[in-house]
Structures are given as C-alpha cells and as structure tokens.
PDB file of all heavy atoms in Angstrom:
ATOM      1  N   LEU A   1    -128.695 -28.983 340.384  1.00  0.00           N
ATOM      2  CA  LEU A   1    -127.887 -29.779 339.466  1.00  0.00           C
ATOM      3  C   LEU A   1    -128.702 -29.993 338.194  1.00  0.00           C
ATOM      4  O   LEU A   1    -129.914 -29.762 338.175  1.00  0.00           O
ATOM      5  CB  LEU A   1    -127.564 -31.129 340.109  1.00  0.00           C
ATOM      6  CG  LEU A   1    -126.670 -31.074 341.342  1.00  0.00           C
ATOM      7  CD1 LEU A   1    -126.809 -32.351 342.158  1.00  0.00           C
ATOM      8  CD2 LEU A   1    -125.234 -30.851 340.935  1.00  0.00           C
ATOM      9  N   ASP A   2    -128.055 -30.443 337.141  1.00  0.00           N
ATOM     10  CA  ASP A   2    -128.781 -30.798 335.919  1.00  0.00           C
ATOM     11  C   ASP A   2    -129.664 -32.016 336.198  1.00  0.00           C
ATOM     12  O   ASP A   2    -129.522 -32.674 337.232  1.00  0.00           O
ATOM     13  CB  ASP A   2    -127.810 -31.104 334.779  1.00  0.00           C
ATOM     14  CG  ASP A   2    -127.232 -29.837 334.145  1.00  0.00           C
ATOM     15  OD1 ASP A   2    -127.816 -28.749 334.323  1.00  0.00           O
ATOM     16  OD2 ASP A   2    -126.193 -29.962 333.473  1.00  0.00           O
ATOM     17  N   ALA A   3    -130.533 -32.339 335.264  1.00  0.00           N
ATOM     18  CA  ALA A   3    -131.464 -33.462 335.420  1.00  0.00           C
ATOM     19  C   ALA A   3    -130.748 -34.780 335.708  1.00  0.00           C
ATOM     20  O   ALA A   3    -131.282 -35.639 336.413  1.00  0.00           O
ATOM     21  CB  ALA A   3    -132.334 -33.596 334.180  1.00  0.00           C
ATOM     22  N   ASP A   4    -129.515 -34.930 335.208  1.00  0.00           N
ATOM     23  CA  ASP A   4    -128.751 -36.162 335.452  1.00  0.00           C
ATOM     24  C   ASP A   4    -127.826 -36.025 336.666  1.00  0.00           C
ATOM     25  O   ASP A   4    -126.891 -36.799 336.847  1.00  0.00           O
ATOM     26  CB  ASP A   4    -127.960 -36.559 334.207  1.00  0.00           C
ATOM     27  CG  ASP A   4    -126.896 -35.536 333.825  1.00  0.00           C
ATOM     28  OD1 ASP A   4    -126.846 -34.437 334.433  1.00  0.00           O
ATOM     29  OD2 ASP A   4    -126.111 -35.822 332.907  1.00  0.00           O
ATOM     30  N   PHE A   5    -128.095 -35.016 337.501  1.00  0.00           N
ATOM     31  CA  PHE A   5    -127.334 -34.730 338.722  1.00  0.00           C
ATOM     32  C   PHE A   5    -125.877 -34.363 338.452  1.00  0.00           C
ATOM     33  O   PHE A   5    -124.998 -34.584 339.281  1.00  0.00           O
ATOM     34  CB  PHE A   5    -127.431 -35.883 339.741  1.00  0.00           C
ATOM     35  CG  PHE A   5    -128.751 -35.904 340.456  1.00  0.00           C
ATOM     36  CD1 PHE A   5    -129.842 -36.571 339.908  1.00  0.00           C
ATOM     37  CD2 PHE A   5    -128.919 -35.242 341.663  1.00  0.00           C
ATOM     38  CE1 PHE A   5    -131.071 -36.589 340.540  1.00  0.00           C
ATOM     39  CE2 PHE A   5    -130.142 -35.250 342.307  1.00  0.00           C
ATOM     40  CZ  PHE A   5    -131.224 -35.920 341.754  1.00  0.00           C
ATOM     41  N   SER A   6    -125.608 -33.764 337.301  1.00  0.00           N
ATOM     42  CA  SER A   6    -124.268 -33.265 336.992  1.00  0.00           C
ATOM     43  C   SER A   6    -124.247 -31.753 337.205  1.00  0.00           C
ATOM     44  O   SER A   6    -125.279 -31.106 337.339  1.00  0.00           O
ATOM     45  CB  SER A   6    -123.877 -33.618 335.555  1.00  0.00           C
ATOM     46  OG  SER A   6    -124.753 -32.992 334.647  1.00  0.00           O
ATOM     47  N   THR A   7    -123.046 -31.194 337.208  1.00  0.00           N
ATOM     48  CA  THR A   7    -122.886 -29.750 337.376  1.00  0.00           C
ATOM     49  C   THR A   7    -123.287 -29.044 336.090  1.00  0.00           C
ATOM     50  O   THR A   7    -122.811 -29.408 335.008  1.00  0.00           O
ATOM     51  CB  THR A   7    -121.419 -29.416 337.716  1.00  0.00           C
ATOM     52  OG1 THR A   7    -121.060 -30.119 338.904  1.00  0.00           O
ATOM     53  CG2 THR A   7    -121.221 -27.928 337.921  1.00  0.00           C
ATOM     54  N   PRO A   8    -124.145 -28.036 336.198  1.00  0.00           N
ATOM     55  CA  PRO A   8    -124.550 -27.303 334.986  1.00  0.00           C
ATOM     56  C   PRO A   8    -123.350 -26.654 334.296  1.00  0.00           C
ATOM     57  O   PRO A   8    -122.420 -26.157 334.948  1.00  0.00           O
ATOM     58  CB  PRO A   8    -125.503 -26.229 335.523  1.00  0.00           C
ATOM     59  CG  PRO A   8    -126.006 -26.777 336.819  1.00  0.00           C
ATOM     60  CD  PRO A   8    -124.852 -27.566 337.389  1.00  0.00           C
ATOM     61  N   THR A   9    -123.364 -26.669 332.973  1.00  0.00           N
ATOM     62  CA  THR A   9    -122.283 -26.091 332.179  1.00  0.00           C
ATOM     63  C   THR A   9    -122.088 -24.614 332.500  1.00  0.00           C
ATOM     64  O   THR A   9    -120.951 -24.136 332.566  1.00  0.00           O
ATOM     65  CB  THR A   9    -122.587 -26.262 330.675  1.00  0.00           C
ATOM     66  OG1 THR A   9    -122.834 -27.638 330.418  1.00  0.00           O
ATOM     67  CG2 THR A   9    -121.434 -25.797 329.823  1.00  0.00           C
ATOM     68  N   SER A  10    -123.172 -23.897 332.744  1.00  0.00           N
ATOM     69  CA  SER A  10    -123.071 -22.466 333.053  1.00  0.00           C
ATOM     70  C   SER A  10    -122.314 -22.224 334.359  1.00  0.00           C
ATOM     71  O   SER A  10    -121.632 -21.213 334.510  1.00  0.00           O
ATOM     72  CB  SER A  10    -124.469 -21.842 333.135  1.00  0.00           C
ATOM     73  OG  SER A  10    -125.232 -22.464 334.157  1.00  0.00           O
ATOM     74  N   VAL A  11    -122.406 -23.155 335.278  1.00  0.00           N
ATOM     75  CA  VAL A  11    -121.711 -23.036 336.562  1.00  0.00           C
ATOM     76  C   VAL A  11    -120.205 -23.227 336.355  1.00  0.00           C
ATOM     77  O   VAL A  11    -119.400 -22.433 336.845  1.00  0.00           O
ATOM     78  CB  VAL A  11    -122.273 -24.060 337.581  1.00  0.00           C
ATOM     79  CG1 VAL A  11    -121.427 -24.101 338.844  1.00  0.00           C
ATOM     80  CG2 VAL A  11    -123.719 -23.731 337.908  1.00  0.00           C
ATOM     81  N   THR A  12    -119.825 -24.261 335.629  1.00  0.00           N
ATOM     82  CA  THR A  12    -118.400 -24.484 335.378  1.00  0.00           C
ATOM     83  C   THR A  12    -117.821 -23.382 334.497  1.00  0.00           C
ATOM     84  O   THR A  12    -116.674 -22.978 334.691  1.00  0.00           O
ATOM     85  CB  THR A  12    -118.134 -25.873 334.758  1.00  0.00           C
ATOM     86  OG1 THR A  12    -118.921 -26.023 333.589  1.00  0.00           O
ATOM     87  CG2 THR A  12    -118.469 -26.979 335.735  1.00  0.00           C
ATOM     88  N   ALA A  13    -118.610 -22.879 333.563  1.00  0.00           N
ATOM     89  CA  ALA A  13    -118.137 -21.789 332.700  1.00  0.00           C
ATOM     90  C   ALA A  13    -117.860 -20.521 333.508  1.00  0.00           C
ATOM     91  O   ALA A  13    -117.004 -19.719 333.130  1.00  0.00           O
ATOM     92  CB  ALA A  13    -119.166 -21.507 331.609  1.00  0.00           C
ATOM     93  N   ALA A  14    -118.553 -20.359 334.625  1.00  0.00           N
ATOM     94  CA  ALA A  14    -118.346 -19.191 335.491  1.00  0.00           C
ATOM     95  C   ALA A  14    -117.200 -19.411 336.484  1.00  0.00           C
ATOM     96  O   ALA A  14    -116.927 -18.548 337.323  1.00  0.00           O
ATOM     97  CB  ALA A  14    -119.639 -18.872 336.239  1.00  0.00           C
ATOM     98  N   GLY A  15    -116.516 -20.562 336.396  1.00  0.00           N
ATOM     99  CA  GLY A  15    -115.358 -20.820 337.241  1.00  0.00           C
ATOM    100  C   GLY A  15    -115.665 -21.497 338.568  1.00  0.00           C
ATOM    101  O   GLY A  15    -114.818 -21.555 339.447  1.00  0.00           O
ATOM    102  N   PHE A  16    -116.885 -22.017 338.710  1.00  0.00           N
ATOM    103  CA  PHE A  16    -117.263 -22.692 339.944  1.00  0.00           C
ATOM    104  C   PHE A  16    -117.086 -24.201 339.792  1.00  0.00           C
ATOM    105  O   PHE A  16    -117.216 -24.741 338.704  1.00  0.00           O
ATOM    106  CB  PHE A  16    -118.727 -22.380 340.302  1.00  0.00           C
ATOM    107  CG  PHE A  16    -118.937 -20.967 340.783  1.00  0.00           C
ATOM    108  CD1 PHE A  16    -119.152 -19.944 339.877  1.00  0.00           C
ATOM    109  CD2 PHE A  16    -118.921 -20.666 342.130  1.00  0.00           C
ATOM    110  CE1 PHE A  16    -119.343 -18.640 340.305  1.00  0.00           C
ATOM    111  CE2 PHE A  16    -119.111 -19.374 342.580  1.00  0.00           C
ATOM    112  CZ  PHE A  16    -119.319 -18.349 341.656  1.00  0.00           C
ATOM    113  N   HIS A  17    -116.809 -24.854 340.916  1.00  0.00           N
ATOM    114  CA  HIS A  17    -116.602 -26.300 340.952  1.00  0.00           C
ATOM    115  C   HIS A  17    -117.561 -26.916 341.970  1.00  0.00           C
ATOM    116  O   HIS A  17    -117.868 -26.311 342.995  1.00  0.00           O
ATOM    117  CB  HIS A  17    -115.159 -26.635 341.356  1.00  0.00           C
ATOM    118  CG  HIS A  17    -114.146 -26.038 340.443  1.00  0.00           C
ATOM    119  ND1 HIS A  17    -113.670 -26.695 339.339  1.00  0.00           N
ATOM    120  CD2 HIS A  17    -113.536 -24.825 340.461  1.00  0.00           C
ATOM    121  CE1 HIS A  17    -112.799 -25.917 338.719  1.00  0.00           C
ATOM    122  NE2 HIS A  17    -112.705 -24.769 339.377  1.00  0.00           N
ATOM    123  N   TYR A  18    -117.979 -28.141 341.700  1.00  0.00           N
ATOM    124  CA  TYR A  18    -118.856 -28.866 342.612  1.00  0.00           C
ATOM    125  C   TYR A  18    -118.141 -29.084 343.944  1.00  0.00           C
ATOM    126  O   TYR A  18    -116.982 -29.498 343.971  1.00  0.00           O
ATOM    127  CB  TYR A  18    -119.216 -30.219 341.982  1.00  0.00           C
ATOM    128  CG  TYR A  18    -120.033 -31.133 342.858  1.00  0.00           C
ATOM    129  CD1 TYR A  18    -121.412 -31.075 342.848  1.00  0.00           C
ATOM    130  CD2 TYR A  18    -119.410 -32.058 343.686  1.00  0.00           C
ATOM    131  CE1 TYR A  18    -122.170 -31.928 343.643  1.00  0.00           C
ATOM    132  CE2 TYR A  18    -120.153 -32.912 344.484  1.00  0.00           C
ATOM    133  CZ  TYR A  18    -121.530 -32.848 344.456  1.00  0.00           C
ATOM    134  OH  TYR A  18    -122.274 -33.689 345.246  1.00  0.00           O
ATOM    135  N   VAL A  19    -118.849 -28.804 345.043  1.00  0.00           N
ATOM    136  CA  VAL A  19    -118.294 -29.040 346.375  1.00  0.00           C
ATOM    137  C   VAL A  19    -118.984 -30.245 347.015  1.00  0.00           C
ATOM    138  O   VAL A  19    -118.344 -31.228 347.353  1.00  0.00           O
ATOM    139  CB  VAL A  19    -118.437 -27.801 347.291  1.00  0.00           C
ATOM    140  CG1 VAL A  19    -117.908 -28.094 348.689  1.00  0.00           C
ATOM    141  CG2 VAL A  19    -117.732 -26.605 346.687  1.00  0.00           C
ATOM    142  N   ILE A  20    -120.298 -30.157 347.173  1.00  0.00           N
ATOM    143  CA  ILE A  20    -121.059 -31.243 347.786  1.00  0.00           C
ATOM    144  C   ILE A  20    -122.534 -31.066 347.448  1.00  0.00           C
ATOM    145  O   ILE A  20    -123.023 -29.934 347.356  1.00  0.00           O
ATOM    146  CB  ILE A  20    -120.844 -31.306 349.317  1.00  0.00           C
ATOM    147  CG1 ILE A  20    -121.381 -32.615 349.900  1.00  0.00           C
ATOM    148  CG2 ILE A  20    -121.427 -30.082 350.006  1.00  0.00           C
ATOM    149  CD1 ILE A  20    -120.954 -32.881 351.337  1.00  0.00           C
ATOM    150  N   GLY A  21    -123.213 -32.174 347.265  1.00  0.00           N
ATOM    151  CA  GLY A  21    -124.639 -32.147 346.992  1.00  0.00           C
ATOM    152  C   GLY A  21    -125.446 -32.245 348.268  1.00  0.00           C
ATOM    153  O   GLY A  21    -124.953 -32.708 349.305  1.00  0.00           O
ATOM    154  N   SER A  22    -126.687 -31.844 348.183  1.00  0.00           N
ATOM    155  CA  SER A  22    -127.567 -31.870 349.340  1.00  0.00           C
ATOM    156  C   SER A  22    -127.733 -33.275 349.907  1.00  0.00           C
ATOM    157  O   SER A  22    -127.675 -33.468 351.122  1.00  0.00           O
ATOM    158  CB  SER A  22    -128.934 -31.292 348.955  1.00  0.00           C
ATOM    159  OG  SER A  22    -129.817 -31.331 350.036  1.00  0.00           O
ATOM    160  N   ILE A  23    -127.919 -34.252 349.042  1.00  0.00           N
ATOM    161  CA  ILE A  23    -128.109 -35.632 349.518  1.00  0.00           C
ATOM    162  C   ILE A  23    -126.868 -36.113 350.260  1.00  0.00           C
ATOM    163  O   ILE A  23    -126.966 -36.676 351.359  1.00  0.00           O
ATOM    164  CB  ILE A  23    -128.454 -36.581 348.347  1.00  0.00           C
ATOM    165  CG1 ILE A  23    -129.816 -36.223 347.751  1.00  0.00           C
ATOM    166  CG2 ILE A  23    -128.429 -38.034 348.803  1.00  0.00           C
ATOM    167  CD1 ILE A  23    -130.152 -36.967 346.473  1.00  0.00           C
ATOM    168  N   SER A  24    -125.687 -35.891 349.700  1.00  0.00           N
ATOM    169  CA  SER A  24    -124.438 -36.309 350.362  1.00  0.00           C
ATOM    170  C   SER A  24    -124.256 -35.595 351.693  1.00  0.00           C
ATOM    171  O   SER A  24    -123.824 -36.205 352.678  1.00  0.00           O
ATOM    172  CB  SER A  24    -123.232 -36.025 349.465  1.00  0.00           C
ATOM    173  OG  SER A  24    -123.290 -36.814 348.305  1.00  0.00           O
ATOM    174  N   ALA A  25    -124.588 -34.320 351.734  1.00  0.00           N
ATOM    175  CA  ALA A  25    -124.457 -33.542 352.970  1.00  0.00           C
ATOM    176  C   ALA A  25    -125.410 -34.066 354.038  1.00  0.00           C
ATOM    177  O   ALA A  25    -125.035 -34.200 355.211  1.00  0.00           O
ATOM    178  CB  ALA A  25    -124.713 -32.068 352.693  1.00  0.00           C
ATOM    179  N   GLN A  26    -126.638 -34.363 353.634  1.00  0.00           N
ATOM    180  CA  GLN A  26    -127.619 -34.888 354.589  1.00  0.00           C
ATOM    181  C   GLN A  26    -127.173 -36.231 355.149  1.00  0.00           C
ATOM    182  O   GLN A  26    -127.263 -36.471 356.356  1.00  0.00           O
ATOM    183  CB  GLN A  26    -128.993 -35.031 353.911  1.00  0.00           C
ATOM    184  CG  GLN A  26    -129.640 -33.709 353.580  1.00  0.00           C
ATOM    185  CD  GLN A  26    -130.812 -33.869 352.624  1.00  0.00           C
ATOM    186  OE1 GLN A  26    -131.247 -34.961 352.309  1.00  0.00           O
ATOM    187  NE2 GLN A  26    -131.327 -32.747 352.136  1.00  0.00           N
ATOM    188  N   GLU A  27    -126.689 -37.104 354.268  1.00  0.00           N
ATOM    189  CA  GLU A  27    -126.226 -38.419 354.709  1.00  0.00           C
ATOM    190  C   GLU A  27    -125.019 -38.294 355.640  1.00  0.00           C
ATOM    191  O   GLU A  27    -124.937 -38.991 356.652  1.00  0.00           O
ATOM    192  CB  GLU A  27    -125.899 -39.295 353.510  1.00  0.00           C
ATOM    193  CG  GLU A  27    -127.126 -39.723 352.731  1.00  0.00           C
ATOM    194  CD  GLU A  27    -126.810 -40.437 351.422  1.00  0.00           C
ATOM    195  OE1 GLU A  27    -125.615 -40.487 351.024  1.00  0.00           O
ATOM    196  OE2 GLU A  27    -127.753 -40.932 350.792  1.00  0.00           O
ATOM    197  N   ALA A  28    -124.092 -37.417 355.311  1.00  0.00           N
ATOM    198  CA  ALA A  28    -122.905 -37.228 356.149  1.00  0.00           C
ATOM    199  C   ALA A  28    -123.293 -36.663 357.512  1.00  0.00           C
ATOM    200  O   ALA A  28    -122.765 -37.087 358.544  1.00  0.00           O
ATOM    201  CB  ALA A  28    -121.907 -36.310 355.453  1.00  0.00           C
ATOM    202  N   ALA A  29    -124.226 -35.729 357.533  1.00  0.00           N
ATOM    203  CA  ALA A  29    -124.636 -35.083 358.791  1.00  0.00           C
ATOM    204  C   ALA A  29    -125.319 -36.062 359.740  1.00  0.00           C
ATOM    205  O   ALA A  29    -125.383 -35.808 360.950  1.00  0.00           O
ATOM    206  CB  ALA A  29    -125.537 -33.896 358.501  1.00  0.00           C
ATOM    207  N   GLU A  30    -125.800 -37.183 359.223  1.00  0.00           N
ATOM    208  CA  GLU A  30    -126.407 -38.195 360.093  1.00  0.00           C
ATOM    209  C   GLU A  30    -125.393 -38.750 361.090  1.00  0.00           C
ATOM    210  O   GLU A  30    -125.765 -39.297 362.126  1.00  0.00           O
ATOM    211  CB  GLU A  30    -126.992 -39.333 359.255  1.00  0.00           C
ATOM    212  CG  GLU A  30    -128.241 -38.934 358.500  1.00  0.00           C
ATOM    213  CD  GLU A  30    -128.770 -40.049 357.595  1.00  0.00           C
ATOM    214  OE1 GLU A  30    -128.222 -41.179 357.629  1.00  0.00           O
ATOM    215  OE2 GLU A  30    -129.725 -39.772 356.854  1.00  0.00           O
ATOM    216  N   LEU A  31    -124.120 -38.580 360.793  1.00  0.00           N
ATOM    217  CA  LEU A  31    -123.067 -39.055 361.687  1.00  0.00           C
ATOM    218  C   LEU A  31    -123.129 -38.365 363.050  1.00  0.00           C
ATOM    219  O   LEU A  31    -122.687 -38.913 364.048  1.00  0.00           O
ATOM    220  CB  LEU A  31    -121.691 -38.839 361.045  1.00  0.00           C
ATOM    221  CG  LEU A  31    -120.507 -39.462 361.767  1.00  0.00           C
ATOM    222  CD1 LEU A  31    -120.629 -40.991 361.774  1.00  0.00           C
ATOM    223  CD2 LEU A  31    -119.219 -39.066 361.093  1.00  0.00           C
ATOM    224  N   PHE A  32    -123.722 -37.178 363.112  1.00  0.00           N
ATOM    225  CA  PHE A  32    -123.839 -36.468 364.382  1.00  0.00           C
ATOM    226  C   PHE A  32    -124.768 -37.213 365.348  1.00  0.00           C
ATOM    227  O   PHE A  32    -124.716 -36.994 366.549  1.00  0.00           O
ATOM    228  CB  PHE A  32    -124.359 -35.040 364.173  1.00  0.00           C
ATOM    229  CG  PHE A  32    -123.317 -34.091 363.676  1.00  0.00           C
ATOM    230  CD1 PHE A  32    -123.366 -33.599 362.389  1.00  0.00           C
ATOM    231  CD2 PHE A  32    -122.293 -33.664 364.502  1.00  0.00           C
ATOM    232  CE1 PHE A  32    -122.413 -32.703 361.921  1.00  0.00           C
ATOM    233  CE2 PHE A  32    -121.330 -32.767 364.057  1.00  0.00           C
ATOM    234  CZ  PHE A  32    -121.386 -32.293 362.761  1.00  0.00           C
ATOM    235  N   GLY A  33    -125.616 -38.081 364.830  1.00  0.00           N
ATOM    236  CA  GLY A  33    -126.531 -38.834 365.691  1.00  0.00           C
ATOM    237  C   GLY A  33    -127.482 -37.908 366.418  1.00  0.00           C
ATOM    238  O   GLY A  33    -128.054 -36.992 365.830  1.00  0.00           O
ATOM    239  N   ALA A  34    -127.624 -38.107 367.712  1.00  0.00           N
ATOM    240  CA  ALA A  34    -128.552 -37.308 368.522  1.00  0.00           C
ATOM    241  C   ALA A  34    -127.990 -35.921 368.831  1.00  0.00           C
ATOM    242  O   ALA A  34    -128.729 -35.029 369.248  1.00  0.00           O
ATOM    243  CB  ALA A  34    -128.873 -38.041 369.819  1.00  0.00           C
ATOM    244  N   TYR A  35    -126.699 -35.748 368.631  1.00  0.00           N
ATOM    245  CA  TYR A  35    -126.071 -34.446 368.897  1.00  0.00           C
ATOM    246  C   TYR A  35    -126.581 -33.426 367.881  1.00  0.00           C
ATOM    247  O   TYR A  35    -126.628 -33.697 366.684  1.00  0.00           O
ATOM    248  CB  TYR A  35    -124.549 -34.567 368.798  1.00  0.00           C
ATOM    249  CG  TYR A  35    -123.823 -33.255 368.987  1.00  0.00           C
ATOM    250  CD1 TYR A  35    -123.649 -32.721 370.253  1.00  0.00           C
ATOM    251  CD2 TYR A  35    -123.326 -32.558 367.896  1.00  0.00           C
ATOM    252  CE1 TYR A  35    -122.990 -31.526 370.440  1.00  0.00           C
ATOM    253  CE2 TYR A  35    -122.658 -31.360 368.063  1.00  0.00           C
ATOM    254  CZ  TYR A  35    -122.499 -30.842 369.339  1.00  0.00           C
ATOM    255  OH  TYR A  35    -121.849 -29.644 369.508  1.00  0.00           O
ATOM    256  N   VAL A  36    -126.983 -32.248 368.358  1.00  0.00           N
ATOM    257  CA  VAL A  36    -127.455 -31.181 367.472  1.00  0.00           C
ATOM    258  C   VAL A  36    -126.313 -30.186 367.272  1.00  0.00           C
ATOM    259  O   VAL A  36    -125.988 -29.410 368.176  1.00  0.00           O
ATOM    260  CB  VAL A  36    -128.698 -30.467 368.066  1.00  0.00           C
ATOM    261  CG1 VAL A  36    -129.151 -29.357 367.139  1.00  0.00           C
ATOM    262  CG2 VAL A  36    -129.812 -31.462 368.322  1.00  0.00           C
ATOM    263  N   PRO A  37    -125.688 -30.210 366.092  1.00  0.00           N
ATOM    264  CA  PRO A  37    -124.532 -29.333 365.846  1.00  0.00           C
ATOM    265  C   PRO A  37    -124.959 -27.893 365.583  1.00  0.00           C
ATOM    266  O   PRO A  37    -126.072 -27.629 365.121  1.00  0.00           O
ATOM    267  CB  PRO A  37    -123.902 -29.941 364.600  1.00  0.00           C
ATOM    268  CG  PRO A  37    -125.059 -30.549 363.875  1.00  0.00           C
ATOM    269  CD  PRO A  37    -125.984 -31.061 364.949  1.00  0.00           C
ATOM    270  N   THR A  38    -124.043 -26.976 365.853  1.00  0.00           N
ATOM    271  CA  THR A  38    -124.262 -25.578 365.492  1.00  0.00           C
ATOM    272  C   THR A  38    -124.046 -25.436 363.983  1.00  0.00           C
ATOM    273  O   THR A  38    -123.474 -26.339 363.345  1.00  0.00           O
ATOM    274  CB  THR A  38    -123.270 -24.657 366.226  1.00  0.00           C
ATOM    275  OG1 THR A  38    -121.943 -24.967 365.759  1.00  0.00           O
ATOM    276  CG2 THR A  38    -123.358 -24.826 367.737  1.00  0.00           C
ATOM    277  N   LYS A  39    -124.461 -24.311 363.419  1.00  0.00           N
ATOM    278  CA  LYS A  39    -124.224 -24.077 361.989  1.00  0.00           C
ATOM    279  C   LYS A  39    -122.727 -24.059 361.699  1.00  0.00           C
ATOM    280  O   LYS A  39    -122.281 -24.536 360.671  1.00  0.00           O
ATOM    281  CB  LYS A  39    -124.875 -22.775 361.539  1.00  0.00           C
ATOM    282  CG  LYS A  39    -126.356 -22.885 361.387  1.00  0.00           C
ATOM    283  CD  LYS A  39    -126.949 -21.652 360.749  1.00  0.00           C
ATOM    284  CE  LYS A  39    -128.406 -21.901 360.467  1.00  0.00           C
ATOM    285  NZ  LYS A  39    -128.956 -20.948 359.524  1.00  0.00           N
ATOM    286  N   GLU A  40    -121.950 -23.525 362.619  1.00  0.00           N
ATOM    287  CA  GLU A  40    -120.489 -23.487 362.469  1.00  0.00           C
ATOM    288  C   GLU A  40    -119.922 -24.906 362.411  1.00  0.00           C
ATOM    289  O   GLU A  40    -119.071 -25.223 361.583  1.00  0.00           O
ATOM    290  CB  GLU A  40    -119.862 -22.716 363.634  1.00  0.00           C
ATOM    291  CG  GLU A  40    -118.386 -22.935 363.808  1.00  0.00           C
ATOM    292  CD  GLU A  40    -117.527 -21.892 363.159  1.00  0.00           C
ATOM    293  OE1 GLU A  40    -118.039 -20.855 362.727  1.00  0.00           O
ATOM    294  OE2 GLU A  40    -116.316 -22.135 363.081  1.00  0.00           O
ATOM    295  N   GLU A  41    -120.396 -25.785 363.285  1.00  0.00           N
ATOM    296  CA  GLU A  41    -119.919 -27.163 363.282  1.00  0.00           C
ATOM    297  C   GLU A  41    -120.306 -27.887 361.992  1.00  0.00           C
ATOM    298  O   GLU A  41    -119.503 -28.634 361.439  1.00  0.00           O
ATOM    299  CB  GLU A  41    -120.479 -27.924 364.493  1.00  0.00           C
ATOM    300  CG  GLU A  41    -119.853 -27.496 365.803  1.00  0.00           C
ATOM    301  CD  GLU A  41    -120.541 -28.086 367.011  1.00  0.00           C
ATOM    302  OE1 GLU A  41    -121.782 -28.280 366.982  1.00  0.00           O
ATOM    303  OE2 GLU A  41    -119.828 -28.357 368.005  1.00  0.00           O
ATOM    304  N   VAL A  42    -121.523 -27.650 361.528  1.00  0.00           N
ATOM    305  CA  VAL A  42    -121.966 -28.258 360.266  1.00  0.00           C
ATOM    306  C   VAL A  42    -121.054 -27.802 359.132  1.00  0.00           C
ATOM    307  O   VAL A  42    -120.598 -28.604 358.316  1.00  0.00           O
ATOM    308  CB  VAL A  42    -123.439 -27.917 359.958  1.00  0.00           C
ATOM    309  CG1 VAL A  42    -123.815 -28.340 358.548  1.00  0.00           C
ATOM    310  CG2 VAL A  42    -124.363 -28.582 360.968  1.00  0.00           C
ATOM    311  N   SER A  43    -120.764 -26.505 359.083  1.00  0.00           N
ATOM    312  CA  SER A  43    -119.899 -25.966 358.031  1.00  0.00           C
ATOM    313  C   SER A  43    -118.508 -26.567 358.081  1.00  0.00           C
ATOM    314  O   SER A  43    -117.971 -27.001 357.052  1.00  0.00           O
ATOM    315  CB  SER A  43    -119.802 -24.442 358.153  1.00  0.00           C
ATOM    316  OG  SER A  43    -121.049 -23.855 357.938  1.00  0.00           O
ATOM    317  N   ARG A  44    -117.898 -26.594 359.257  1.00  0.00           N
ATOM    318  CA  ARG A  44    -116.548 -27.161 359.406  1.00  0.00           C
ATOM    319  C   ARG A  44    -116.529 -28.637 359.020  1.00  0.00           C
ATOM    320  O   ARG A  44    -115.618 -29.108 358.334  1.00  0.00           O
ATOM    321  CB  ARG A  44    -116.059 -27.007 360.853  1.00  0.00           C
ATOM    322  CG  ARG A  44    -115.622 -25.617 361.210  1.00  0.00           C
ATOM    323  CD  ARG A  44    -115.100 -25.469 362.642  1.00  0.00           C
ATOM    324  NE  ARG A  44    -114.536 -26.661 363.219  1.00  0.00           N
ATOM    325  CZ  ARG A  44    -114.855 -27.117 364.437  1.00  0.00           C
ATOM    326  NH1 ARG A  44    -115.731 -26.497 365.194  1.00  0.00           N
ATOM    327  NH2 ARG A  44    -114.279 -28.213 364.908  1.00  0.00           N
ATOM    328  N   PHE A  45    -117.537 -29.362 359.476  1.00  0.00           N
ATOM    329  CA  PHE A  45    -117.650 -30.785 359.202  1.00  0.00           C
ATOM    330  C   PHE A  45    -117.769 -31.058 357.708  1.00  0.00           C
ATOM    331  O   PHE A  45    -117.043 -31.866 357.139  1.00  0.00           O
ATOM    332  CB  PHE A  45    -118.863 -31.339 359.960  1.00  0.00           C
ATOM    333  CG  PHE A  45    -119.243 -32.740 359.590  1.00  0.00           C
ATOM    334  CD1 PHE A  45    -118.505 -33.818 360.055  1.00  0.00           C
ATOM    335  CD2 PHE A  45    -120.348 -32.992 358.798  1.00  0.00           C
ATOM    336  CE1 PHE A  45    -118.859 -35.121 359.729  1.00  0.00           C
ATOM    337  CE2 PHE A  45    -120.715 -34.284 358.474  1.00  0.00           C
ATOM    338  CZ  PHE A  45    -119.964 -35.355 358.938  1.00  0.00           C
ATOM    339  N   LEU A  46    -118.702 -30.362 357.040  1.00  0.00           N
ATOM    340  CA  LEU A  46    -118.939 -30.603 355.622  1.00  0.00           C
ATOM    341  C   LEU A  46    -117.778 -30.133 354.746  1.00  0.00           C
ATOM    342  O   LEU A  46    -117.486 -30.750 353.729  1.00  0.00           O
ATOM    343  CB  LEU A  46    -120.254 -29.969 355.172  1.00  0.00           C
ATOM    344  CG  LEU A  46    -121.518 -30.621 355.740  1.00  0.00           C
ATOM    345  CD1 LEU A  46    -122.755 -29.852 355.301  1.00  0.00           C
ATOM    346  CD2 LEU A  46    -121.620 -32.087 355.334  1.00  0.00           C
TER     347      LEU A  46
END
C-alpha cells in the first residue's frame, strides 16, 4: 500500500481494486482460534 495505507494510483489505473489488507486478514483469521484451517478454507473465509 502507499505510505498512508491507501491503494497506489498505479494499481487503480491498471483496473485493480482493493480487496483486503494483510492486517485485516490476520485479524479476521484469528477467529479460527485453535483450529488450523487449510489454505482453501482461509481463501473461502477471506
């Protein structure tokens, strides 16, 4: 992300949109608790 945690202009100019940031994904994944999800489950969840 840019220094202010915004989407870089070059990314939006290329037609891409923000989906999720690493920090938000990490915080959301904590919901799994002690359960260790598969990569497929992480993808579906996020």
